[in-house]
Amino acid sequence: RIHYVGKLIDGTTFDSSYTRGETAVFPVNRVVPGFSQGLQLMSPGAKYQIFIPGQLGYGSGDGPGGPMAVMIFQIELLEILSAPENIQK
């Protein structure tokens, strides 16, 4: 479980679990590579700010800020949950 804020390099916020008022839960392999890499370095209770270059974000795809956009995430790792047994890897 995490709380996070996602911003573009110009400071524009494009996503925030705080704004929604609820934490986010998702498999680490279901996010862009740079986000996944950052999460895997964290321990519960840690707060990181990670800068994700375009090639580790949405690449040439249609992500926040357009193709190859740099994204900045402030992430608070609250808890590491086990994957449900019925989810195939």
Protein backbone atom coordinates (compact mmCIF):
# COMPACT_ATOMS: atom_id res chain seq x y z
CA ARG A 1 0.00 0.00 0.00
CA ILE A 2 1.34 3.38 -0.90
CA HIS A 3 0.46 7.03 -0.94
CA TYR A 4 1.93 9.01 -3.80
CA VAL A 5 1.89 12.22 -5.79
CA GLY A 6 2.88 12.18 -9.46
CA LYS A 7 4.10 15.40 -11.08
CA LEU A 8 5.57 16.49 -14.37
CA ILE A 9 8.95 18.23 -14.48
CA ASP A 10 7.16 21.62 -14.57
CA GLY A 11 5.47 20.83 -11.24
CA THR A 12 2.02 20.02 -12.65
CA THR A 13 0.35 17.30 -10.56
CA PHE A 14 -1.23 14.60 -12.73
CA ASP A 15 -2.14 12.03 -10.07
CA SER A 16 -2.36 11.84 -6.29
CA SER A 17 -3.64 9.19 -3.92
CA TYR A 18 -3.85 11.91 -1.26
CA THR A 19 -6.32 13.89 -3.40
CA ARG A 20 -8.44 10.77 -3.85
CA GLY A 21 -8.32 10.19 -0.09
CA GLU A 22 -7.27 6.55 -0.36
CA THR A 23 -4.08 4.57 -0.62
CA ALA A 24 -3.13 2.73 -3.79
CA VAL A 25 -2.53 -1.01 -4.04
CA PHE A 26 -1.17 -2.66 -7.19
CA PRO A 27 1.34 -5.32 -8.23
CA VAL A 28 4.84 -3.91 -8.66
CA ASN A 29 4.94 -5.34 -12.20
CA ARG A 30 1.85 -3.34 -13.27
CA VAL A 31 3.47 0.10 -13.23
CA VAL A 32 6.01 1.82 -15.48
CA PRO A 33 9.57 0.41 -15.11
CA GLY A 34 11.00 3.43 -13.26
CA PHE A 35 8.23 3.36 -10.66
CA SER A 36 8.69 -0.38 -10.18
CA GLN A 37 12.46 0.01 -9.75
CA GLY A 38 11.99 2.76 -7.16
CA LEU A 39 9.41 0.77 -5.18
CA GLN A 40 11.71 -2.24 -4.98
CA LEU A 41 14.34 -0.13 -3.18
CA MET A 42 11.90 0.93 -0.47
CA SER A 43 11.07 -0.51 2.95
CA PRO A 44 7.76 0.05 4.77
CA GLY A 45 7.68 3.52 6.29
CA ALA A 46 10.10 4.96 3.72
CA LYS A 47 9.35 8.16 1.81
CA TYR A 48 11.14 8.64 -1.51
CA GLN A 49 11.11 11.16 -4.30
CA ILE A 50 11.99 9.50 -7.59
CA PHE A 51 12.64 11.06 -10.98
CA ILE A 52 11.61 8.81 -13.87
CA PRO A 53 13.13 9.60 -17.27
CA GLY A 54 10.91 9.12 -20.31
CA GLN A 55 12.47 5.82 -21.35
CA LEU A 56 11.62 4.30 -17.92
CA GLY A 57 8.16 5.88 -17.92
CA TYR A 58 5.68 5.74 -20.78
CA GLY A 59 8.37 6.05 -23.46
CA SER A 60 6.92 7.18 -26.77
CA GLY A 61 3.43 6.23 -25.58
CA ASP A 62 0.62 8.50 -24.47
CA GLY A 63 1.36 9.07 -20.79
CA PRO A 64 1.05 12.17 -18.62
CA GLY A 65 2.94 15.04 -20.23
CA GLY A 66 3.19 13.34 -23.62
CA PRO A 67 5.86 11.10 -25.16
CA MET A 68 9.16 10.77 -23.26
CA ALA A 69 7.94 13.02 -20.42
CA VAL A 70 9.96 13.04 -17.19
CA MET A 71 7.80 12.23 -14.17
CA ILE A 72 8.51 12.92 -10.51
CA PHE A 73 6.85 10.80 -7.82
CA GLN A 74 6.76 11.35 -4.09
CA ILE A 75 6.03 7.91 -2.66
CA GLU A 76 5.32 6.76 0.87
CA LEU A 77 5.43 2.96 1.22
CA LEU A 78 2.98 2.09 3.96
CA GLU A 79 2.87 -1.69 3.72
CA ILE A 80 4.03 -4.56 1.50
CA LEU A 81 1.18 -6.96 0.82
CA SER A 82 1.48 -10.55 -0.31
CA ALA A 83 0.08 -11.35 -3.74
CA PRO A 84 -3.25 -13.20 -3.64
CA GLU A 85 -2.72 -16.90 -4.33
CA ASN A 86 -5.12 -16.87 -7.30
CA ILE A 87 -3.06 -14.32 -9.28
CA GLN A 88 -0.84 -15.91 -11.89
CA LYS A 89 2.60 -14.42 -12.47
